[in-house]
Amino acid sequence: MIARLRQAALGLLFWVAFGIPVLMSLIVLPLFILAYACGAENIRPWVYRVGKALDQTSNAVLFGGHPKETVSSHAGRWIVSGRDMPLWVPVVDYATGIFEAEHCVKSIEEPFIFEVL
């Protein structure tokens, strides 16, 4: 019983330790993107790194992908595979297609090309 309580307490501690930065980045990142759009060029590297980290985290947590792969790369692998796709794949493909044609297929990352879905 004590061992389970210790494990639960440690799990809660990790949840708080990693949950707070993610929550803060979800609040602060839109403000920094807006600041970048208004001309604050010096924050571009931070916005890129935090954005990519959230993208990779979303891929792992929400879509069951590899933690080092982005959501669009994972969607691109589904598109190229020709198999029945989950509903989120066409949504991601459409949303990214607004900014770049065939973004998902172009974004497939080298180490994940032949990984089984």
Protein backbone atom coordinates (compact mmCIF):
# COMPACT_ATOMS: atom_id res chain seq x y z
CA MET A 1 0.00 0.00 0.00
CA ILE A 2 2.79 2.44 0.88
CA ALA A 3 4.63 1.64 -2.36
CA ARG A 4 1.50 2.45 -4.39
CA LEU A 5 1.05 5.73 -2.55
CA ARG A 6 4.68 6.59 -3.26
CA GLN A 7 4.22 5.79 -6.95
CA ALA A 8 1.02 7.85 -7.09
CA ALA A 9 2.70 10.79 -5.38
CA LEU A 10 5.65 10.59 -7.79
CA GLY A 11 3.27 10.41 -10.77
CA LEU A 12 1.44 13.49 -9.49
CA LEU A 13 4.73 15.30 -9.01
CA PHE A 14 5.77 14.52 -12.61
CA TRP A 15 2.36 15.60 -13.88
CA VAL A 16 2.72 18.96 -12.11
CA ALA A 17 6.38 19.36 -13.12
CA PHE A 18 5.71 18.76 -16.80
CA GLY A 19 2.11 20.00 -16.97
CA ILE A 20 2.85 23.54 -15.81
CA PRO A 21 5.40 24.30 -18.58
CA VAL A 22 3.05 22.89 -21.23
CA LEU A 23 0.15 24.94 -19.87
CA MET A 24 2.32 28.06 -19.70
CA SER A 25 3.53 27.54 -23.26
CA LEU A 26 -0.08 27.23 -24.43
CA ILE A 27 -0.81 30.59 -22.82
CA VAL A 28 2.44 32.38 -23.65
CA LEU A 29 3.05 30.99 -27.17
CA PRO A 30 0.10 32.79 -28.82
CA LEU A 31 1.29 36.06 -27.28
CA PHE A 32 4.81 35.51 -28.59
CA ILE A 33 3.49 34.60 -32.05
CA LEU A 34 1.55 37.85 -32.05
CA ALA A 35 4.66 39.76 -30.94
CA TYR A 36 6.65 38.10 -33.74
CA ALA A 37 3.95 39.05 -36.26
CA CYS A 38 4.23 42.64 -35.04
CA GLY A 39 7.97 42.71 -35.71
CA ALA A 40 9.78 41.23 -32.67
CA GLU A 41 12.29 39.20 -34.73
CA ASN A 42 14.46 38.15 -31.77
CA ILE A 43 11.83 35.74 -30.39
CA ARG A 44 11.53 33.67 -33.59
CA PRO A 45 13.85 30.82 -32.39
CA TRP A 46 11.90 30.46 -29.14
CA VAL A 47 8.53 30.44 -30.93
CA TYR A 48 9.82 27.79 -33.38
CA ARG A 49 11.24 25.51 -30.64
CA VAL A 50 8.19 25.71 -28.38
CA GLY A 51 5.81 25.29 -31.31
CA LYS A 52 7.62 22.20 -32.58
CA ALA A 53 7.76 20.71 -29.07
CA LEU A 54 4.00 21.16 -28.68
CA ASP A 55 3.48 19.69 -32.15
CA GLN A 56 5.52 16.60 -31.27
CA THR A 57 3.82 16.28 -27.89
CA SER A 58 0.39 16.46 -29.53
CA ASN A 59 1.42 13.78 -32.00
CA ALA A 60 2.51 11.41 -29.25
CA VAL A 61 -0.34 12.08 -26.81
CA LEU A 62 -3.34 12.61 -29.09
CA PHE A 63 -2.53 10.64 -32.25
CA GLY A 64 -0.37 7.78 -30.97
CA GLY A 65 2.63 8.78 -33.05
CA HIS A 66 6.33 8.82 -32.27
CA PRO A 67 7.30 11.57 -29.79
CA LYS A 68 9.97 12.93 -32.15
CA GLU A 69 7.63 13.18 -35.15
CA THR A 70 5.29 16.06 -35.94
CA VAL A 71 1.54 15.69 -36.48
CA SER A 72 1.81 16.61 -40.18
CA SER A 73 4.60 14.06 -40.74
CA HIS A 74 2.48 11.37 -39.11
CA ALA A 75 -0.52 12.39 -41.25
CA GLY A 76 1.68 12.33 -44.35
CA ARG A 77 2.69 8.74 -43.63
CA TRP A 78 -1.00 7.81 -43.41
CA ILE A 79 -1.70 9.51 -46.74
CA VAL A 80 1.21 7.78 -48.52
CA SER A 81 0.33 4.37 -47.05
CA GLY A 82 -2.97 4.26 -48.95
CA ARG A 83 -4.67 2.56 -46.01
CA ASP A 84 -7.96 3.68 -44.47
CA MET A 85 -7.10 6.87 -42.61
CA PRO A 86 -8.37 8.03 -39.25
CA LEU A 87 -10.64 11.08 -39.39
CA TRP A 88 -7.98 13.47 -38.11
CA VAL A 89 -5.68 12.88 -41.13
CA PRO A 90 -7.81 14.66 -43.78
CA VAL A 91 -8.49 17.47 -41.30
CA VAL A 92 -4.76 18.02 -40.72
CA ASP A 93 -4.09 17.69 -44.46
CA TYR A 94 -6.74 20.30 -45.29
CA ALA A 95 -5.59 22.73 -42.57
CA THR A 96 -1.92 22.55 -43.53
CA GLY A 97 -2.82 22.64 -47.22
CA ILE A 98 -4.06 26.19 -46.74
CA PHE A 99 -0.47 27.31 -46.09
CA GLU A 100 1.47 24.87 -48.29
CA ALA A 101 0.17 22.44 -50.92
CA GLU A 102 0.78 18.80 -49.94
CA HIS A 103 2.49 19.88 -46.72
CA CYS A 104 1.83 16.58 -44.93
CA VAL A 105 3.49 14.45 -47.62
CA LYS A 106 6.43 16.87 -47.91
CA SER A 107 6.91 16.89 -44.13
CA ILE A 108 7.48 13.14 -43.68
CA GLU A 109 10.66 12.97 -41.65
CA GLU A 110 13.47 10.67 -42.79
CA PRO A 111 13.66 8.28 -39.80
CA PHE A 112 9.91 7.62 -39.99
CA ILE A 113 9.49 6.89 -43.71
CA PHE A 114 9.29 3.10 -43.31
CA GLU A 115 7.92 2.92 -39.77
CA VAL A 116 4.81 0.77 -39.58
CA LEU A 117 1.63 2.67 -38.78
